[in-house]
Protein backbone atom coordinates (compact mmCIF):
# COMPACT_ATOMS: atom_id res chain seq x y z
CA MET A 1 58.34 76.88 91.36
CA GLN A 2 61.24 76.77 88.93
CA ILE A 3 61.95 73.58 86.77
CA ARG A 4 64.29 72.72 83.94
CA PRO A 5 62.97 72.20 80.39
CA ASP A 6 63.27 68.30 80.67
CA ALA A 7 60.90 68.34 83.59
CA LEU A 8 58.17 70.21 81.79
CA ALA A 9 56.52 67.27 79.93
CA PRO A 10 55.86 65.26 83.19
CA GLN A 11 54.41 68.41 84.70
CA LEU A 12 52.14 68.95 81.76
CA ALA A 13 51.01 65.36 81.96
CA LYS A 14 49.75 65.98 85.46
CA GLY A 15 47.55 68.86 84.31
CA LEU A 16 47.90 72.53 83.41
CA LYS A 17 48.97 75.25 85.76
CA PRO A 18 47.20 78.69 85.46
CA LEU A 19 50.54 80.35 84.57
CA TYR A 20 53.83 79.39 82.92
CA THR A 21 56.95 81.63 82.70
CA VAL A 22 59.72 80.58 80.20
CA HIS A 23 62.95 82.56 80.62
CA GLY A 24 66.44 82.01 79.11
CA ASP A 25 68.74 82.74 76.25
CA GLU A 26 68.62 79.45 74.34
CA PRO A 27 66.11 80.08 71.59
CA LEU A 28 65.62 76.48 70.57
CA LEU A 29 64.85 75.18 74.04
CA ALA A 30 62.76 78.13 74.89
CA GLN A 31 60.69 77.77 71.69
CA GLU A 32 60.24 73.97 72.46
CA ALA A 33 59.04 74.64 75.99
CA ALA A 34 56.55 77.39 74.79
CA ASP A 35 55.27 75.13 72.05
CA ALA A 36 54.74 72.21 74.46
CA ILE A 37 52.70 74.49 76.69
CA ARG A 38 50.67 75.77 73.75
CA LYS A 39 49.97 72.33 72.50
CA ALA A 40 48.84 71.02 75.93
CA ALA A 41 46.53 74.05 76.23
CA ARG A 42 45.00 73.43 72.81
CA GLU A 43 44.37 69.81 73.59
CA GLN A 44 42.53 70.81 76.79
CA GLY A 45 40.23 73.25 75.20
CA TYR A 46 41.96 76.54 75.55
CA GLY A 47 40.93 77.54 72.06
CA GLU A 48 41.03 81.40 72.09
CA ARG A 49 44.53 82.85 72.04
CA LYS A 50 45.52 86.41 72.79
CA ILE A 51 49.12 87.67 72.43
CA PHE A 52 50.54 90.83 74.07
CA THR A 53 54.09 92.03 73.20
CA VAL A 54 55.44 94.45 75.78
CA ALA A 55 57.45 97.00 73.84
CA GLY A 56 58.63 100.40 75.20
CA ALA A 57 58.34 102.18 78.52
CA TYR A 58 54.81 103.40 77.79
CA PHE A 59 53.19 100.04 77.07
CA ASP A 60 49.54 100.04 78.07
CA TRP A 61 48.93 97.20 80.60
CA GLY A 62 45.13 97.78 80.77
CA PRO A 63 44.27 95.40 77.93
CA VAL A 64 46.47 92.74 79.45
CA LEU A 65 44.73 93.02 82.86
CA GLY A 66 41.29 93.13 81.16
CA ALA A 67 41.86 90.23 78.90
CA ALA A 68 42.14 87.60 81.71
CA GLN A 69 38.92 88.83 83.32
CA ALA A 70 36.85 89.21 80.11
CA LEU A 71 34.49 86.38 79.08
CA SER A 72 35.53 84.66 75.87
CA LEU A 73 33.38 85.18 72.93
CA PHE A 74 34.51 82.14 71.00
CA ALA A 75 35.60 79.53 73.55
CA GLU A 76 35.11 78.69 77.19
CA ARG A 77 38.78 78.83 77.84
CA GLN A 78 41.48 81.29 76.87
CA PHE A 79 45.20 81.07 76.32
CA ILE A 80 46.96 84.39 76.90
CA GLU A 81 50.63 85.06 76.00
CA ILE A 82 52.58 87.98 77.45
CA ARG A 83 55.98 88.43 75.63
CA ILE A 84 58.48 90.75 77.28
CA PRO A 85 61.53 90.68 74.91
CA SER A 86 63.58 93.17 76.99
CA GLY A 87 62.99 91.32 80.29
CA LYS A 88 62.14 94.62 81.90
CA PRO A 89 58.51 95.30 82.40
CA GLY A 90 59.11 98.69 84.08
CA LYS A 91 57.46 100.06 87.16
CA ASP A 92 53.96 99.92 85.73
CA GLY A 93 54.53 96.49 84.34
CA SER A 94 55.87 95.27 87.56
CA GLU A 95 52.71 96.37 89.39
CA ALA A 96 50.44 95.09 86.58
CA LEU A 97 52.03 91.60 86.60
CA GLN A 98 51.58 91.32 90.27
CA ARG A 99 47.95 92.26 89.98
CA TYR A 100 47.55 89.93 87.13
CA CYS A 101 48.93 87.06 89.27
CA GLU A 102 46.58 87.85 92.12
CA ARG A 103 43.39 87.56 89.89
CA LEU A 104 44.02 84.59 87.62
CA PRO A 105 40.71 83.00 86.70
CA GLU A 106 40.24 79.15 86.33
CA ASP A 107 39.36 79.33 82.57
CA VAL A 108 42.63 81.08 81.51
CA VAL A 109 46.15 79.69 81.09
CA THR A 110 48.81 82.34 80.67
CA LEU A 111 52.33 82.04 79.14
CA VAL A 112 54.92 84.69 79.86
CA THR A 113 58.14 84.61 77.79
CA LEU A 114 61.30 86.42 78.89
CA PRO A 115 65.02 86.47 77.85
CA LYS A 116 67.74 85.46 80.26
CA LEU A 117 67.22 87.14 83.72
CA ASP A 118 69.94 88.14 86.05
CA LYS A 119 69.87 87.47 89.78
CA THR A 120 68.34 90.89 90.60
CA GLN A 121 65.53 90.36 88.03
CA GLN A 122 64.76 86.85 89.44
CA SER A 123 64.53 88.34 92.98
CA SER A 124 62.18 91.12 91.79
CA ALA A 125 58.66 91.28 93.09
CA TRP A 126 57.11 90.90 89.66
CA PHE A 127 59.11 87.66 88.87
CA MET A 128 58.47 86.23 92.27
CA ALA A 129 54.62 86.80 91.62
CA LEU A 130 54.95 84.98 88.36
CA ASP A 131 56.88 82.20 89.87
CA GLY A 132 54.46 81.84 92.82
CA ALA A 133 51.40 81.69 90.56
CA GLY A 134 52.55 78.71 88.40
CA LEU A 135 55.65 77.18 86.93
CA SER A 136 58.86 78.87 85.79
CA ILE A 137 60.96 77.09 83.16
CA ARG A 138 64.59 78.21 83.15
CA VAL A 139 66.22 77.66 79.83
CA ASP A 140 69.99 77.50 80.05
CA PRO A 141 72.40 76.91 77.13
CA VAL A 142 73.70 73.40 76.70
CA GLU A 143 77.34 73.55 77.72
CA ARG A 144 80.01 71.94 75.56
CA ARG A 145 80.70 69.17 78.10
CA ALA A 146 76.97 68.23 78.00
CA LEU A 147 76.52 68.58 74.21
CA PRO A 148 77.46 65.06 73.18
CA GLN A 149 74.84 63.55 75.61
CA TRP A 150 72.21 66.12 74.36
CA ILE A 151 72.98 64.94 70.75
CA ALA A 152 72.65 61.35 71.71
CA GLN A 153 69.28 61.93 73.39
CA ARG A 154 67.99 63.70 70.39
CA LEU A 155 69.26 61.03 68.08
CA ALA A 156 67.46 58.42 70.25
CA ALA A 157 64.26 60.39 70.08
CA GLN A 158 64.35 60.07 66.19
CA GLY A 159 65.25 56.42 66.42
CA GLN A 160 68.93 56.73 65.67
CA ARG A 161 72.11 56.19 67.63
CA VAL A 162 75.90 56.20 67.24
CA GLU A 163 78.11 53.09 67.56
CA ASP A 164 78.99 51.69 70.83
CA GLY A 165 82.32 52.29 72.55
CA GLU A 166 85.14 54.67 71.67
CA MET A 167 84.04 55.12 68.08
CA GLY A 168 80.53 56.31 69.18
CA GLN A 169 82.14 58.71 71.63
CA ARG A 170 84.40 59.98 68.81
CA THR A 171 81.29 60.53 66.58
CA LEU A 172 79.41 62.45 69.29
CA ALA A 173 82.54 64.65 70.04
CA PHE A 174 82.89 65.38 66.30
CA PHE A 175 79.15 66.28 66.07
CA ALA A 176 79.53 68.56 69.13
CA ASP A 177 82.57 70.37 67.77
CA ARG A 178 80.66 71.06 64.50
CA VAL A 179 77.56 72.62 66.28
CA GLU A 180 79.00 74.12 69.50
CA GLY A 181 77.25 77.37 70.52
CA ASN A 182 74.47 76.99 67.76
CA LEU A 183 71.79 74.69 69.16
CA LEU A 184 69.27 75.78 66.46
CA ALA A 185 71.65 74.58 63.74
CA ALA A 186 72.41 71.41 65.76
CA HIS A 187 68.63 70.75 65.69
CA GLN A 188 68.62 71.22 61.88
CA GLU A 189 71.59 68.87 61.40
CA LEU A 190 69.90 66.21 63.51
CA GLN A 191 66.74 66.53 61.31
CA LYS A 192 68.97 66.19 58.32
CA LEU A 193 70.33 62.95 59.61
CA ALA A 194 66.83 61.67 60.17
CA LEU A 195 65.99 62.49 56.52
CA LEU A 196 69.19 60.99 55.07
CA HIS A 197 69.40 57.76 57.04
CA PRO A 198 66.81 55.25 58.41
CA ALA A 199 66.44 54.47 62.03
CA GLY A 200 69.28 52.46 63.48
CA THR A 201 73.00 52.96 64.05
CA LEU A 202 74.91 55.85 62.40
CA SER A 203 78.62 55.39 61.48
CA PHE A 204 81.19 58.14 61.98
CA ASP A 205 81.55 58.38 58.15
CA GLN A 206 77.81 59.03 57.83
CA VAL A 207 77.83 61.76 60.49
CA GLU A 208 81.06 63.37 59.10
CA ALA A 209 79.56 63.50 55.51
CA ALA A 210 76.27 65.01 56.73
CA VAL A 211 76.97 67.45 59.46
CA LEU A 212 78.09 70.91 58.47
CA ASP A 213 80.41 73.03 60.50
CA VAL A 214 77.98 75.51 61.98
CA ALA A 215 79.66 76.16 65.31
CA ARG A 216 79.43 79.58 66.74
CA PHE A 217 81.78 80.70 69.48
CA ASP A 218 81.31 83.09 72.40
CA VAL A 219 84.31 85.14 73.33
CA PHE A 220 83.42 84.68 77.01
CA LYS A 221 83.29 80.90 76.64
CA LEU A 222 86.83 81.09 75.31
CA SER A 223 87.93 82.18 78.80
CA GLU A 224 86.61 78.94 80.28
CA ALA A 225 88.26 76.83 77.67
CA VAL A 226 91.64 78.62 78.27
CA LEU A 227 91.46 78.24 81.97
CA SER A 228 90.47 74.56 81.69
CA GLY A 229 93.54 73.78 79.61
CA GLN A 230 91.68 72.70 76.49
CA VAL A 231 94.24 73.50 73.94
CA ALA A 232 92.63 72.07 70.86
CA ARG A 233 89.26 73.67 71.65
CA VAL A 234 90.97 76.94 72.39
CA LEU A 235 92.54 77.01 68.99
CA ARG A 236 89.31 75.97 67.31
CA MET A 237 87.46 78.74 69.06
CA LEU A 238 90.03 81.43 68.11
CA ASP A 239 89.76 80.25 64.46
CA GLY A 240 86.00 80.36 64.66
CA LEU A 241 85.93 83.86 66.31
CA GLU A 242 88.29 85.23 63.63
CA ALA A 243 86.23 83.73 60.81
CA GLU A 244 83.03 85.22 62.31
CA GLY A 245 84.60 88.65 62.32
CA GLU A 246 84.80 89.11 66.00
CA ALA A 247 86.74 92.14 67.13
CA ALA A 248 90.41 91.17 68.11
CA VAL A 249 90.29 93.88 70.73
CA LEU A 250 87.39 92.18 72.46
CA VAL A 251 89.28 88.82 72.48
CA HIS A 252 92.25 90.41 73.92
CA TRP A 253 90.20 92.13 76.61
CA SER A 254 88.77 88.81 77.66
CA LEU A 255 92.16 87.12 77.91
CA ALA A 256 93.77 90.15 79.58
CA GLU A 257 91.01 90.31 82.18
CA ASP A 258 91.60 86.71 83.15
CA ILE A 259 95.32 87.27 83.52
CA ARG A 260 94.78 90.46 85.61
CA ALA A 261 92.21 88.64 87.79
CA LEU A 262 94.50 85.75 88.38
CA LYS A 263 97.27 88.18 89.43
CA ARG A 264 94.91 90.18 91.73
CA VAL A 265 93.72 86.96 93.40
CA ARG A 266 97.16 85.47 93.74
CA ASP A 267 98.44 88.81 95.25
CA GLY A 268 95.53 88.78 97.73
CA VAL A 269 96.21 85.31 98.90
CA ASP A 270 99.91 86.12 99.22
CA ALA A 271 98.90 89.04 101.35
CA GLY A 272 97.06 86.68 103.75
CA LYS A 273 93.56 86.92 102.45
CA PRO A 274 91.41 83.81 102.37
CA LEU A 275 90.87 82.64 98.80
CA PRO A 276 87.07 83.26 98.85
CA MET A 277 87.67 86.95 99.91
CA ALA A 278 90.25 87.40 97.29
CA LEU A 279 87.90 86.04 94.69
CA ARG A 280 85.15 88.35 95.72
CA GLU A 281 87.35 91.42 95.72
CA ALA A 282 88.60 90.52 92.27
CA ARG A 283 84.91 90.13 91.17
CA VAL A 284 85.28 86.48 90.14
CA TRP A 285 82.21 84.31 90.35
CA GLY A 286 80.22 81.65 88.64
CA ALA A 287 81.86 79.11 86.46
CA LYS A 288 85.07 81.13 86.49
CA GLU A 289 85.11 81.14 90.22
CA ARG A 290 85.36 77.32 90.28
CA LEU A 291 88.15 77.39 87.84
CA PHE A 292 90.06 79.95 89.81
CA GLU A 293 89.62 77.91 92.95
CA ARG A 294 91.43 75.03 91.22
CA LEU A 295 94.18 77.19 89.58
CA VAL A 296 95.13 79.82 92.12
CA PRO A 297 96.61 77.56 94.85
CA GLY A 298 99.08 76.03 92.37
CA LEU A 299 100.20 79.36 90.90
CA HIS A 300 103.00 81.76 91.90
CA SER A 301 103.27 85.41 91.26
CA ALA A 302 106.41 84.83 89.35
CA GLU A 303 104.54 82.75 86.80
CA LEU A 304 101.90 85.46 86.25
CA ALA A 305 104.25 88.35 85.77
CA PRO A 306 105.27 87.30 82.28
CA LEU A 307 101.59 86.86 81.35
CA VAL A 308 100.86 90.43 82.42
CA GLU A 309 103.64 91.70 80.25
CA ALA A 310 102.54 89.58 77.31
CA ALA A 311 99.03 90.99 77.65
CA GLN A 312 100.41 94.47 77.42
CA ILE A 313 102.38 93.55 74.34
CA CYS A 314 99.41 91.93 72.76
CA ASP A 315 97.34 95.04 73.51
CA GLY A 316 99.61 96.97 71.24
CA LEU A 317 99.43 94.25 68.57
CA VAL A 318 95.62 94.41 68.26
CA LYS A 319 95.99 98.19 67.89
CA GLY A 320 98.58 97.84 65.07
CA LEU A 321 101.86 98.20 66.93
CA ARG A 322 104.63 95.68 66.19
CA HIS A 323 106.83 94.05 68.87
CA PRO A 324 110.02 92.06 68.50
CA GLY A 325 109.55 88.42 68.97
CA TRP A 326 105.84 88.59 68.38
CA PRO A 327 103.81 87.93 65.22
CA MET A 328 102.72 90.91 63.12
CA ASP A 329 99.25 89.62 62.74
CA ALA A 330 96.91 90.46 65.74
CA TRP A 331 95.17 87.05 65.69
CA ALA A 332 98.46 85.17 65.65
CA GLY A 333 99.44 87.23 68.67
CA LEU A 334 96.16 86.40 70.37
CA ARG A 335 96.88 82.69 69.77
CA LYS A 336 100.34 83.04 71.38
CA LEU A 337 98.82 84.85 74.47
CA ALA A 338 96.05 82.29 74.80
CA LEU A 339 98.53 79.35 74.66
CA MET A 340 100.80 81.03 77.18
CA LEU A 341 97.78 81.27 79.57
CA VAL A 342 96.78 77.76 78.87
CA GLU A 343 100.33 76.55 79.65
CA THR A 344 100.23 78.48 82.98
CA ALA A 345 96.82 77.24 83.77
CA ALA A 346 97.81 73.58 83.06
CA GLY A 347 100.90 74.02 85.25
CA LYS A 348 103.08 72.83 82.35
CA PRO A 349 104.86 75.87 80.80
CA GLY A 350 106.28 74.92 77.53
CA ARG A 351 104.75 71.41 77.55
CA LEU A 352 101.31 71.68 76.19
CA VAL A 353 99.08 68.60 76.34
CA LEU A 354 96.34 68.43 73.77
CA LYS A 355 92.96 68.19 75.28
CA ALA A 356 89.89 68.46 73.10
């Protein structure tokens, strides 16, 4: 049974399961979920703790299988952690985990921690065995659109809140912009506010003075911002990626892939293919698929041809080649290409509308 992190506390309050699996790529939320399970286990008498870290293809699973069956020397109940940092237990590990799940004793609680798993891994026999033997907590990153609410909830938990109305929304948006993509740092900034100010309402000025700019940007999230027409966020992300030392060639590849994919999908639709088929053939799925479903019907091939040409020009810029009418600096060229794509996605070429 899979649940989200915010559903874990009510589940723990009902009693412990024999096995918990925490998987995902958000370190803060994964750590908090694992800590909550450990705390609940300690409070219910699972005093002896054993930790196994699966490293390498030749990991010996014998001690893991034996640990759950061995009688505890120091406590009546055991807490066993199995950490698989790679997310790939291998053939022997797959078989061992399935056997482990088949023979879970009543006096043992097991916690398995894993990174983000793809669809194939979540459909594997070993993961299905883990999921069937207890609870799986899937830890997803907090998306930018959900970040202000997440911040507000965390502030409430420490007895603080922002002002009501538009000013409060502005404060939360400012906070989110400062910490986007860096939830661990966001947590630290929240703790800082708890130390600096008493419980109650925080003003925009107090938050602005306290919260550092610790945002980290993902080049693949840039794609979603561009296709959503979020001009101010796109420019902020490009500035951040450049400051972080991201390779300009990777940023160009991401933008160019979106342009090529839009062209392939539009051409497919023009050739008479249903939009879902054209999207599958262009290998567009997930969050980007939903954006394409909104954009493609309103686009024309004639609008995409200049973008394809611009992507080719920008490819030369990031490799040190100059082109008339384009900036000499590679990052300035990337900003121009990104804004061209934003204009096309927004359906307003030459008339950008700022949308944070």
